[in-house]
Structure formats: C-alpha cells, structure tokens
C-alpha cells in the first residue's frame, strides 16, 4: 500500500505512471492498436465561468455542443445559436425588456454597432427574431468569446443569477 503525507496532482500522476508500467508488463498492449485515435472530452461551464475563461473558444478543436437554460437543453453547432436560443427564452419571460433594448439599439463596451435593434441596416450580420408582434435583429458577427459576453450582458438585463444558471457544454477533440 502506498502512503504519503502529500497527495497532490504530481504524486498522483507519478503513481499512475508507475502502475501503468506494471500493468503493461503483466498485460502487454496489442501491437495493432491505432495510436492516432482522437479522443473527445466534454466539459460543462456556467456562462459566468465562460466569460472569464482563458482558453481560446475559436480554436477548431473546441466546439459548443449544447446549452441548458430554464430547465431545457438545446443542442447547438455554433455559439451564436446559444445567444439566439437564450434571447428567445428571455422573450417568453418578458418581451418588453428585449423590445426596450431594441428601441435603444442596445450595445456595451463601446461597441459601435448595436447588438439588439429594430434597424437591421445598423448591423453587420444579424439574425431576425420575432418577439410578439415585433421583429428585432440580433448582431451575430462576433468571435465565440464575444458572443458569450453579449449573451451575458443581455441576461444581466433580466437577472445576474441567470449567468450561473446557463450551462454550456463544450467538446474538445484531443490530438
């Protein structure tokens, strides 16, 4: 039995390496295993964590696969789908907040174009959403990280607590 007064990541890693060497001596790995297999890992983050995250979300090996908000889980292919889906859910809660944001050409961080507006011509690349009897436009021409920050800013107009409630699952392809 291994005992140590210190039990940290380095010690655990060293022990795991020693044990794997022993196991491979007893049970050698077949020689026909494809060593080029890529593995996928999935990690769930709250939106509050994601807006401060340090890895690059625009990396080709990291993709959003789903998000959870208000007890529903939605599969996505693109980060902007998170923004649009959450805005649709927020509209169900209180459409007047979004309509007010569109009326005032909502923006933040000195962004020159509005992020939410009734005026499509003021945007670069937008998606149209029908909110009640109104059509609003959401700017989607952003990096993945910026999309999440925009989503967070819109959520803050409703409740800061929503930043912790939104969960986004990311898939990373390891080489």
N, C-alpha and C. Protein backbone atom coordinates (compact mmCIF):
# COMPACT_ATOMS: atom_id res chain seq x y z
N UNK A 1 0.85 -1.19 0.00
CA UNK A 1 0.00 0.00 0.00
C UNK A 1 0.88 1.23 0.00
N UNK A 2 0.57 2.16 -0.82
CA UNK A 2 1.34 3.40 -0.94
C UNK A 2 0.82 4.39 0.08
N UNK A 3 1.72 5.03 0.80
CA UNK A 3 1.29 6.06 1.74
C UNK A 3 2.19 7.27 1.59
N UNK A 4 1.59 8.42 1.78
CA UNK A 4 2.33 9.66 1.65
C UNK A 4 1.61 10.72 2.46
N UNK A 5 2.38 11.63 3.03
CA UNK A 5 1.76 12.72 3.76
C UNK A 5 1.29 13.80 2.78
N UNK A 6 1.77 13.71 1.52
CA UNK A 6 1.37 14.67 0.49
C UNK A 6 0.62 13.91 -0.60
N UNK A 7 -0.50 14.41 -1.02
CA UNK A 7 -1.28 13.76 -2.07
C UNK A 7 -1.76 14.86 -3.00
N UNK A 8 -0.97 15.12 -4.04
CA UNK A 8 -1.30 16.19 -4.97
C UNK A 8 -1.26 15.66 -6.40
N UNK A 9 -1.44 16.53 -7.35
CA UNK A 9 -1.51 16.12 -8.76
C UNK A 9 -0.22 15.43 -9.22
N UNK A 10 0.94 15.96 -8.83
CA UNK A 10 2.21 15.36 -9.25
C UNK A 10 2.38 13.95 -8.69
N UNK A 11 2.08 13.77 -7.41
CA UNK A 11 2.22 12.45 -6.77
C UNK A 11 1.25 11.46 -7.43
N UNK A 12 0.02 11.91 -7.65
CA UNK A 12 -0.99 11.03 -8.29
C UNK A 12 -0.54 10.65 -9.69
N UNK A 13 -0.02 11.61 -10.44
CA UNK A 13 0.45 11.34 -11.80
C UNK A 13 1.63 10.36 -11.79
N UNK A 14 2.57 10.56 -10.88
CA UNK A 14 3.71 9.64 -10.78
C UNK A 14 3.25 8.22 -10.46
N UNK A 15 2.31 8.12 -9.50
CA UNK A 15 1.82 6.80 -9.12
C UNK A 15 1.07 6.15 -10.28
N UNK A 16 0.28 6.92 -10.99
CA UNK A 16 -0.45 6.38 -12.13
C UNK A 16 0.51 5.87 -13.19
N UNK A 17 1.59 6.61 -13.44
CA UNK A 17 2.58 6.17 -14.43
C UNK A 17 3.26 4.87 -14.00
N UNK A 18 3.62 4.78 -12.72
CA UNK A 18 4.24 3.55 -12.21
C UNK A 18 3.28 2.37 -12.35
N UNK A 19 2.03 2.57 -11.97
CA UNK A 19 1.04 1.49 -12.06
C UNK A 19 0.79 1.07 -13.51
N UNK A 20 0.75 2.04 -14.42
CA UNK A 20 0.53 1.68 -15.82
C UNK A 20 1.70 0.87 -16.38
N UNK A 21 2.93 1.18 -15.95
CA UNK A 21 4.09 0.40 -16.39
C UNK A 21 4.00 -1.04 -15.89
N UNK A 22 3.58 -1.21 -14.65
CA UNK A 22 3.44 -2.56 -14.08
C UNK A 22 2.34 -3.32 -14.83
N UNK A 23 1.21 -2.66 -15.06
CA UNK A 23 0.10 -3.32 -15.74
C UNK A 23 0.49 -3.72 -17.16
N UNK A 24 1.23 -2.84 -17.86
CA UNK A 24 1.63 -3.17 -19.23
C UNK A 24 2.64 -4.32 -19.28
N UNK A 25 3.41 -4.53 -18.21
CA UNK A 25 4.31 -5.69 -18.17
C UNK A 25 3.52 -6.97 -18.00
N UNK A 26 2.46 -6.89 -17.21
CA UNK A 26 1.63 -8.08 -16.97
C UNK A 26 0.71 -8.34 -18.16
N UNK A 27 0.09 -7.27 -18.67
CA UNK A 27 -0.85 -7.37 -19.77
C UNK A 27 -0.37 -6.46 -20.90
N UNK A 28 0.54 -6.91 -21.76
CA UNK A 28 1.06 -6.05 -22.82
C UNK A 28 -0.05 -5.60 -23.78
N UNK A 29 0.07 -4.37 -24.22
CA UNK A 29 -0.90 -3.82 -25.18
C UNK A 29 -0.70 -4.48 -26.53
N UNK A 30 -1.77 -4.77 -27.25
CA UNK A 30 -1.64 -5.34 -28.59
C UNK A 30 -0.89 -4.37 -29.51
N UNK A 31 -0.16 -4.91 -30.42
CA UNK A 31 0.64 -4.07 -31.32
C UNK A 31 -0.19 -3.47 -32.45
N UNK A 32 -1.42 -3.92 -32.61
CA UNK A 32 -2.24 -3.43 -33.72
C UNK A 32 -3.19 -2.29 -33.31
N UNK A 33 -2.96 -1.67 -32.19
CA UNK A 33 -3.81 -0.56 -31.74
C UNK A 33 -3.47 0.69 -32.53
N UNK A 34 -4.51 1.38 -32.98
CA UNK A 34 -4.33 2.64 -33.71
C UNK A 34 -3.95 3.73 -32.72
N UNK A 35 -2.72 4.18 -32.79
CA UNK A 35 -2.24 5.20 -31.86
C UNK A 35 -2.64 6.60 -32.29
N UNK A 36 -3.28 6.72 -33.44
CA UNK A 36 -3.70 8.03 -33.91
C UNK A 36 -5.16 8.34 -33.58
N UNK A 37 -5.75 7.52 -32.70
CA UNK A 37 -7.14 7.75 -32.32
C UNK A 37 -7.24 9.10 -31.61
N UNK A 38 -8.28 9.87 -32.01
CA UNK A 38 -8.53 11.14 -31.34
C UNK A 38 -9.65 10.93 -30.33
N UNK A 39 -9.49 11.51 -29.17
CA UNK A 39 -10.48 11.39 -28.13
C UNK A 39 -11.21 12.71 -27.94
N UNK A 40 -12.48 12.61 -27.63
CA UNK A 40 -13.27 13.80 -27.36
C UNK A 40 -13.55 13.86 -25.86
N UNK A 41 -13.40 15.03 -25.31
CA UNK A 41 -13.79 15.25 -23.93
C UNK A 41 -14.83 16.36 -23.91
N UNK A 42 -15.77 16.25 -23.00
CA UNK A 42 -16.79 17.27 -22.87
C UNK A 42 -16.70 17.90 -21.49
N UNK A 43 -16.86 19.20 -21.46
CA UNK A 43 -16.81 19.94 -20.21
C UNK A 43 -18.00 20.89 -20.17
N UNK A 44 -18.61 20.98 -19.00
CA UNK A 44 -19.75 21.87 -18.81
C UNK A 44 -19.28 23.07 -18.00
N UNK A 45 -19.62 24.26 -18.50
CA UNK A 45 -19.29 25.52 -17.83
C UNK A 45 -20.57 26.32 -17.64
N UNK A 46 -20.59 27.12 -16.58
CA UNK A 46 -21.67 28.11 -16.48
C UNK A 46 -21.26 29.28 -17.36
N UNK A 47 -22.21 30.09 -17.75
CA UNK A 47 -21.90 31.26 -18.57
C UNK A 47 -21.00 32.21 -17.78
N UNK A 48 -21.20 32.29 -16.48
CA UNK A 48 -20.35 33.14 -15.64
C UNK A 48 -18.88 32.71 -15.75
N UNK A 49 -18.63 31.40 -15.79
CA UNK A 49 -17.26 30.89 -15.94
C UNK A 49 -16.73 31.17 -17.35
N UNK A 50 -17.57 30.99 -18.35
CA UNK A 50 -17.13 31.11 -19.74
C UNK A 50 -16.70 32.53 -20.11
N UNK A 51 -17.33 33.53 -19.55
CA UNK A 51 -16.97 34.89 -19.96
C UNK A 51 -15.61 35.30 -19.42
N UNK A 52 -15.07 34.50 -18.49
CA UNK A 52 -13.73 34.78 -17.97
C UNK A 52 -12.73 33.68 -18.30
N UNK A 53 -13.11 32.75 -19.16
CA UNK A 53 -12.28 31.57 -19.41
C UNK A 53 -11.01 31.93 -20.17
N UNK A 54 -9.96 31.16 -19.98
CA UNK A 54 -8.68 31.52 -20.58
C UNK A 54 -8.32 30.72 -21.83
N UNK A 55 -9.07 29.67 -22.19
CA UNK A 55 -8.72 29.00 -23.44
C UNK A 55 -9.47 29.66 -24.59
N UNK A 56 -8.93 29.45 -25.77
CA UNK A 56 -9.47 30.11 -26.95
C UNK A 56 -10.67 29.33 -27.48
N UNK A 57 -11.86 29.94 -27.38
CA UNK A 57 -13.08 29.27 -27.82
C UNK A 57 -13.20 29.19 -29.33
N UNK A 58 -12.42 29.97 -30.05
CA UNK A 58 -12.48 29.92 -31.51
C UNK A 58 -11.53 28.87 -32.08
N UNK A 59 -10.87 28.11 -31.21
CA UNK A 59 -9.99 27.02 -31.62
C UNK A 59 -10.84 25.97 -32.35
N UNK A 60 -10.34 25.45 -33.46
CA UNK A 60 -11.07 24.45 -34.23
C UNK A 60 -11.33 23.16 -33.45
N UNK A 61 -10.55 22.91 -32.41
CA UNK A 61 -10.71 21.68 -31.63
C UNK A 61 -11.71 21.82 -30.48
N UNK A 62 -12.27 23.01 -30.27
CA UNK A 62 -13.21 23.25 -29.18
C UNK A 62 -14.53 23.73 -29.78
N UNK A 63 -15.59 22.98 -29.54
CA UNK A 63 -16.90 23.32 -30.12
C UNK A 63 -17.98 23.23 -29.05
N UNK A 64 -18.89 24.19 -29.09
CA UNK A 64 -20.08 24.11 -28.24
C UNK A 64 -20.98 23.02 -28.80
N UNK A 65 -21.53 22.19 -27.92
CA UNK A 65 -22.44 21.13 -28.39
C UNK A 65 -23.85 21.30 -27.85
N UNK A 66 -23.99 21.97 -26.70
CA UNK A 66 -25.33 22.19 -26.16
C UNK A 66 -25.28 23.25 -25.06
N UNK A 67 -26.47 23.72 -24.70
CA UNK A 67 -26.58 24.58 -23.54
C UNK A 67 -27.87 24.24 -22.80
N UNK A 68 -27.88 24.53 -21.51
CA UNK A 68 -29.07 24.35 -20.68
C UNK A 68 -29.45 25.70 -20.10
N UNK A 69 -30.73 25.98 -20.18
CA UNK A 69 -31.25 27.22 -19.59
C UNK A 69 -32.72 27.03 -19.31
N UNK A 70 -33.14 27.41 -18.12
CA UNK A 70 -34.53 27.30 -17.71
C UNK A 70 -35.07 25.89 -17.92
N UNK A 71 -34.31 24.92 -17.46
CA UNK A 71 -34.71 23.51 -17.47
C UNK A 71 -34.84 22.87 -18.85
N UNK A 72 -34.31 23.51 -19.88
CA UNK A 72 -34.32 22.85 -21.19
C UNK A 72 -32.89 22.79 -21.71
N UNK A 73 -32.59 21.70 -22.40
CA UNK A 73 -31.27 21.52 -23.01
C UNK A 73 -31.43 21.58 -24.52
N UNK A 74 -30.56 22.38 -25.16
CA UNK A 74 -30.64 22.60 -26.60
C UNK A 74 -29.29 22.27 -27.23
N UNK A 75 -29.31 21.44 -28.26
CA UNK A 75 -28.08 21.13 -28.99
C UNK A 75 -27.77 22.27 -29.96
N UNK A 76 -26.47 22.59 -30.10
CA UNK A 76 -26.06 23.68 -30.99
C UNK A 76 -24.85 23.25 -31.81
N UNK A 77 -24.64 23.94 -32.92
CA UNK A 77 -23.44 23.76 -33.73
C UNK A 77 -22.55 24.99 -33.65
N UNK A 78 -23.17 26.15 -33.40
CA UNK A 78 -22.45 27.42 -33.40
C UNK A 78 -22.76 28.18 -32.12
N UNK A 79 -21.80 28.96 -31.66
CA UNK A 79 -22.01 29.73 -30.44
C UNK A 79 -23.14 30.74 -30.57
N UNK A 80 -23.34 31.30 -31.77
CA UNK A 80 -24.41 32.29 -31.90
C UNK A 80 -25.78 31.66 -31.67
N UNK A 81 -25.90 30.32 -31.84
CA UNK A 81 -27.17 29.65 -31.57
C UNK A 81 -27.49 29.69 -30.07
N UNK A 82 -26.46 29.75 -29.24
CA UNK A 82 -26.67 29.90 -27.79
C UNK A 82 -27.32 31.26 -27.53
N UNK A 83 -26.73 32.30 -28.11
CA UNK A 83 -27.26 33.65 -27.96
C UNK A 83 -28.72 33.73 -28.41
N UNK A 84 -29.01 33.25 -29.61
CA UNK A 84 -30.37 33.34 -30.15
C UNK A 84 -31.36 32.53 -29.33
N UNK A 85 -30.96 31.34 -28.93
CA UNK A 85 -31.85 30.49 -28.14
C UNK A 85 -32.18 31.10 -26.78
N UNK A 86 -31.18 31.67 -26.15
CA UNK A 86 -31.41 32.29 -24.84
C UNK A 86 -32.27 33.53 -24.99
N UNK A 87 -32.04 34.32 -26.02
CA UNK A 87 -32.88 35.51 -26.25
C UNK A 87 -34.34 35.10 -26.46
N UNK A 88 -34.57 34.01 -27.18
CA UNK A 88 -35.95 33.54 -27.38
C UNK A 88 -36.60 33.16 -26.05
N UNK A 89 -35.83 32.48 -25.19
CA UNK A 89 -36.35 32.10 -23.88
C UNK A 89 -36.63 33.33 -23.01
N UNK A 90 -35.74 34.31 -23.08
CA UNK A 90 -35.94 35.54 -22.31
C UNK A 90 -37.18 36.29 -22.78
N UNK A 91 -37.44 36.25 -24.08
CA UNK A 91 -38.62 36.91 -24.63
C UNK A 91 -39.90 36.30 -24.06
N UNK A 92 -39.87 35.00 -23.81
CA UNK A 92 -41.04 34.33 -23.21
C UNK A 92 -41.26 34.82 -21.78
N UNK A 93 -40.16 35.13 -21.10
CA UNK A 93 -40.26 35.62 -19.72
C UNK A 93 -40.78 37.05 -19.65
N UNK A 94 -40.20 37.91 -20.51
CA UNK A 94 -40.58 39.32 -20.50
C UNK A 94 -40.09 39.96 -21.80
N UNK A 95 -40.96 40.03 -22.78
CA UNK A 95 -40.56 40.57 -24.09
C UNK A 95 -40.32 42.07 -24.04
N UNK A 96 -40.90 42.77 -23.08
CA UNK A 96 -40.74 44.23 -23.04
C UNK A 96 -39.29 44.64 -22.78
N UNK A 97 -38.53 43.84 -22.05
CA UNK A 97 -37.12 44.16 -21.81
C UNK A 97 -36.34 44.13 -23.12
N UNK A 98 -36.56 43.08 -23.92
CA UNK A 98 -35.88 42.99 -25.23
C UNK A 98 -36.34 44.08 -26.18
N UNK A 99 -37.62 44.38 -26.17
CA UNK A 99 -38.14 45.44 -27.05
C UNK A 99 -37.54 46.78 -26.65
N UNK A 100 -37.38 47.02 -25.36
CA UNK A 100 -36.75 48.25 -24.89
C UNK A 100 -35.28 48.30 -25.33
N UNK A 101 -34.61 47.17 -25.25
CA UNK A 101 -33.21 47.11 -25.70
C UNK A 101 -33.13 47.42 -27.20
N UNK A 102 -34.06 46.87 -27.98
CA UNK A 102 -34.07 47.11 -29.43
C UNK A 102 -34.38 48.58 -29.73
N UNK A 103 -35.29 49.16 -29.00
CA UNK A 103 -35.64 50.57 -29.19
C UNK A 103 -34.43 51.47 -28.97
N UNK A 104 -33.61 51.12 -27.97
CA UNK A 104 -32.43 51.92 -27.63
C UNK A 104 -31.15 51.42 -28.31
N UNK A 105 -31.29 50.53 -29.29
CA UNK A 105 -30.12 50.00 -30.02
C UNK A 105 -29.05 49.53 -29.04
N UNK A 106 -29.42 48.55 -28.24
CA UNK A 106 -28.57 48.06 -27.15
C UNK A 106 -27.16 47.71 -27.61
N UNK A 107 -26.20 48.19 -26.84
CA UNK A 107 -24.79 47.90 -27.07
C UNK A 107 -24.06 48.01 -25.73
N UNK A 108 -22.81 47.59 -25.68
CA UNK A 108 -21.99 47.77 -24.48
C UNK A 108 -20.53 47.73 -24.89
N UNK A 109 -19.65 48.03 -23.95
CA UNK A 109 -18.19 48.03 -24.19
C UNK A 109 -17.79 48.91 -25.37
N UNK A 110 -18.44 50.05 -25.53
CA UNK A 110 -18.11 50.98 -26.62
C UNK A 110 -18.23 50.35 -28.01
N UNK A 111 -19.06 49.34 -28.14
CA UNK A 111 -19.29 48.70 -29.44
C UNK A 111 -19.98 49.71 -30.34
N UNK A 112 -19.51 49.90 -31.56
CA UNK A 112 -20.06 50.94 -32.42
C UNK A 112 -21.40 50.57 -33.03
N UNK A 113 -21.62 49.31 -33.28
CA UNK A 113 -22.91 48.87 -33.84
C UNK A 113 -23.79 48.35 -32.71
N UNK A 114 -25.11 48.47 -32.86
CA UNK A 114 -25.98 47.90 -31.84
C UNK A 114 -25.93 46.37 -31.87
N UNK A 115 -26.19 45.78 -30.73
CA UNK A 115 -26.24 44.33 -30.63
C UNK A 115 -27.67 43.82 -30.77
N UNK A 116 -28.62 44.66 -30.34
CA UNK A 116 -30.04 44.38 -30.50
C UNK A 116 -30.68 45.65 -31.01
N UNK A 117 -31.47 45.53 -32.09
CA UNK A 117 -32.07 46.72 -32.68
C UNK A 117 -33.29 46.33 -33.52
N UNK A 118 -34.14 47.31 -33.79
CA UNK A 118 -35.21 47.14 -34.76
C UNK A 118 -34.68 47.45 -36.17
N UNK A 119 -33.52 48.09 -36.24
CA UNK A 119 -32.97 48.58 -37.50
C UNK A 119 -31.85 47.66 -38.00
N UNK A 120 -32.19 46.80 -38.94
CA UNK A 120 -31.22 45.85 -39.49
C UNK A 120 -30.06 46.54 -40.19
N UNK A 121 -30.29 47.72 -40.76
CA UNK A 121 -29.25 48.41 -41.52
C UNK A 121 -28.10 48.89 -40.63
N UNK A 122 -28.31 48.93 -39.33
CA UNK A 122 -27.25 49.37 -38.41
C UNK A 122 -26.33 48.23 -38.00
N UNK A 123 -26.60 47.04 -38.54
CA UNK A 123 -25.84 45.85 -38.15
C UNK A 123 -25.05 45.30 -39.31
N UNK A 124 -24.04 44.53 -38.98
CA UNK A 124 -23.20 43.89 -40.00
C UNK A 124 -23.82 42.57 -40.43
N UNK A 125 -23.95 41.63 -39.51
CA UNK A 125 -24.55 40.32 -39.79
C UNK A 125 -25.53 40.04 -38.66
N UNK A 126 -26.80 40.00 -38.98
CA UNK A 126 -27.79 39.84 -37.93
C UNK A 126 -28.73 38.68 -38.23
N UNK A 127 -29.38 38.24 -37.18
CA UNK A 127 -30.45 37.25 -37.29
C UNK A 127 -31.74 37.91 -36.81
N UNK A 128 -32.79 37.61 -37.51
CA UNK A 128 -34.10 38.19 -37.20
C UNK A 128 -34.84 37.29 -36.21
N UNK A 129 -35.43 37.93 -35.19
CA UNK A 129 -36.26 37.20 -34.24
C UNK A 129 -37.61 37.89 -34.12
N UNK A 130 -38.66 37.09 -34.14
CA UNK A 130 -39.99 37.64 -33.93
C UNK A 130 -40.30 37.56 -32.44
N UNK A 131 -40.51 38.71 -31.86
CA UNK A 131 -40.82 38.81 -30.44
C UNK A 131 -42.21 39.42 -30.34
N UNK A 132 -43.19 38.58 -30.04
CA UNK A 132 -44.57 39.07 -30.06
C UNK A 132 -44.90 39.52 -31.47
N UNK A 133 -45.38 40.74 -31.62
CA UNK A 133 -45.68 41.28 -32.94
C UNK A 133 -44.53 42.05 -33.54
N UNK A 134 -43.38 42.05 -32.85
CA UNK A 134 -42.23 42.83 -33.30
C UNK A 134 -41.15 41.95 -33.92
N UNK A 135 -40.37 42.54 -34.79
CA UNK A 135 -39.19 41.86 -35.33
C UNK A 135 -37.97 42.63 -34.84
N UNK A 136 -37.12 41.92 -34.11
CA UNK A 136 -35.87 42.54 -33.67
C UNK A 136 -34.71 41.82 -34.35
N UNK A 137 -33.59 42.50 -34.40
CA UNK A 137 -32.40 41.93 -35.03
C UNK A 137 -31.30 41.81 -33.97
N UNK A 138 -30.61 40.69 -34.01
CA UNK A 138 -29.52 40.40 -33.08
C UNK A 138 -28.24 40.30 -33.91
N UNK A 139 -27.24 41.07 -33.55
CA UNK A 139 -25.93 41.00 -34.23
C UNK A 139 -25.23 39.71 -33.84
N UNK A 140 -24.77 38.95 -34.84
CA UNK A 140 -24.08 37.68 -34.56
C UNK A 140 -22.65 37.67 -35.10
N UNK A 141 -22.20 38.75 -35.67
CA UNK A 141 -20.85 38.80 -36.25
C UNK A 141 -19.82 39.09 -35.16
N UNK A 142 -19.55 38.06 -34.35
CA UNK A 142 -18.62 38.19 -33.24
C UNK A 142 -17.80 36.90 -33.12
N UNK A 143 -16.71 36.99 -32.40
CA UNK A 143 -15.96 35.79 -32.04
C UNK A 143 -16.81 34.98 -31.05
N UNK A 144 -16.44 33.74 -30.85
CA UNK A 144 -17.17 32.89 -29.90
C UNK A 144 -17.17 33.52 -28.51
N UNK A 145 -16.03 34.02 -28.09
CA UNK A 145 -15.92 34.64 -26.76
C UNK A 145 -16.83 35.87 -26.67
N UNK A 146 -16.85 36.66 -27.71
CA UNK A 146 -17.68 37.88 -27.71
C UNK A 146 -19.17 37.51 -27.70
N UNK A 147 -19.55 36.46 -28.43
CA UNK A 147 -20.95 36.01 -28.42
C UNK A 147 -21.38 35.70 -26.99
N UNK A 148 -20.51 35.04 -26.24
CA UNK A 148 -20.85 34.69 -24.86
C UNK A 148 -20.96 35.93 -23.98
N UNK A 149 -20.09 36.91 -24.22
CA UNK A 149 -20.17 38.16 -23.46
C UNK A 149 -21.46 38.93 -23.79
N UNK A 150 -21.84 38.94 -25.05
CA UNK A 150 -23.09 39.58 -25.45
C UNK A 150 -24.26 38.87 -24.77
N UNK A 151 -24.25 37.54 -24.80
CA UNK A 151 -25.29 36.75 -24.15
C UNK A 151 -25.37 37.11 -22.67
N UNK A 152 -24.21 37.21 -22.02
CA UNK A 152 -24.16 37.55 -20.59
C UNK A 152 -24.74 38.93 -20.34
N UNK A 153 -24.40 39.88 -21.18
CA UNK A 153 -24.91 41.25 -20.99
C UNK A 153 -26.43 41.31 -21.15
N UNK A 154 -26.95 40.55 -22.08
CA UNK A 154 -28.40 40.51 -22.26
C UNK A 154 -29.05 39.85 -21.05
N UNK A 155 -28.48 38.75 -20.57
CA UNK A 155 -29.01 38.07 -19.38
C UNK A 155 -29.02 38.99 -18.17
N UNK A 156 -27.98 39.82 -18.05
CA UNK A 156 -27.90 40.75 -16.91
C UNK A 156 -29.06 41.73 -16.89
N UNK A 157 -29.64 42.01 -18.06
CA UNK A 157 -30.79 42.91 -18.10
C UNK A 157 -32.00 42.28 -17.42
N UNK A 158 -31.97 40.95 -17.30
CA UNK A 158 -33.04 40.21 -16.65
C UNK A 158 -32.68 39.88 -15.20
N UNK A 159 -31.54 39.20 -15.03
CA UNK A 159 -31.10 38.81 -13.69
C UNK A 159 -29.65 38.33 -13.74
N UNK A 160 -28.83 38.81 -12.82
CA UNK A 160 -27.44 38.35 -12.71
C UNK A 160 -27.39 36.85 -12.42
N UNK A 161 -28.41 36.34 -11.73
CA UNK A 161 -28.43 34.92 -11.37
C UNK A 161 -28.45 34.01 -12.60
N UNK A 162 -28.97 34.49 -13.71
CA UNK A 162 -29.02 33.68 -14.92
C UNK A 162 -27.63 33.33 -15.43
N UNK A 163 -26.62 34.14 -15.11
CA UNK A 163 -25.25 33.83 -15.56
C UNK A 163 -24.76 32.51 -14.97
N UNK A 164 -25.22 32.20 -13.76
CA UNK A 164 -24.83 30.94 -13.13
C UNK A 164 -25.74 29.79 -13.54
N UNK A 165 -26.95 30.12 -14.00
CA UNK A 165 -27.89 29.08 -14.38
C UNK A 165 -27.62 28.52 -15.78
N UNK A 166 -27.17 29.36 -16.70
CA UNK A 166 -26.88 28.88 -18.06
C UNK A 166 -25.65 27.99 -18.01
N UNK A 167 -25.79 26.78 -18.55
CA UNK A 167 -24.67 25.84 -18.63
C UNK A 167 -24.42 25.51 -20.09
N UNK A 168 -23.16 25.62 -20.49
CA UNK A 168 -22.78 25.33 -21.87
C UNK A 168 -21.81 24.15 -21.86
N UNK A 169 -22.09 23.17 -22.71
CA UNK A 169 -21.20 22.00 -22.83
C UNK A 169 -20.34 22.18 -24.06
N UNK A 170 -19.04 22.06 -23.85
CA UNK A 170 -18.07 22.15 -24.94
C UNK A 170 -17.41 20.80 -25.14
N UNK A 171 -17.14 20.49 -26.40
CA UNK A 171 -16.46 19.27 -26.78
C UNK A 171 -15.07 19.67 -27.26
N UNK A 172 -14.07 18.98 -26.78
CA UNK A 172 -12.70 19.22 -27.24
C UNK A 172 -12.18 17.94 -27.87
N UNK A 173 -11.69 18.07 -29.10
CA UNK A 173 -11.04 16.95 -29.77
C UNK A 173 -9.56 16.97 -29.43
N UNK A 174 -9.11 15.96 -28.69
CA UNK A 174 -7.69 15.85 -28.38
C UNK A 174 -6.95 15.15 -29.49
N UNK A 175 -5.80 15.67 -29.78
CA UNK A 175 -5.00 15.06 -30.86
C UNK A 175 -4.11 13.98 -30.31
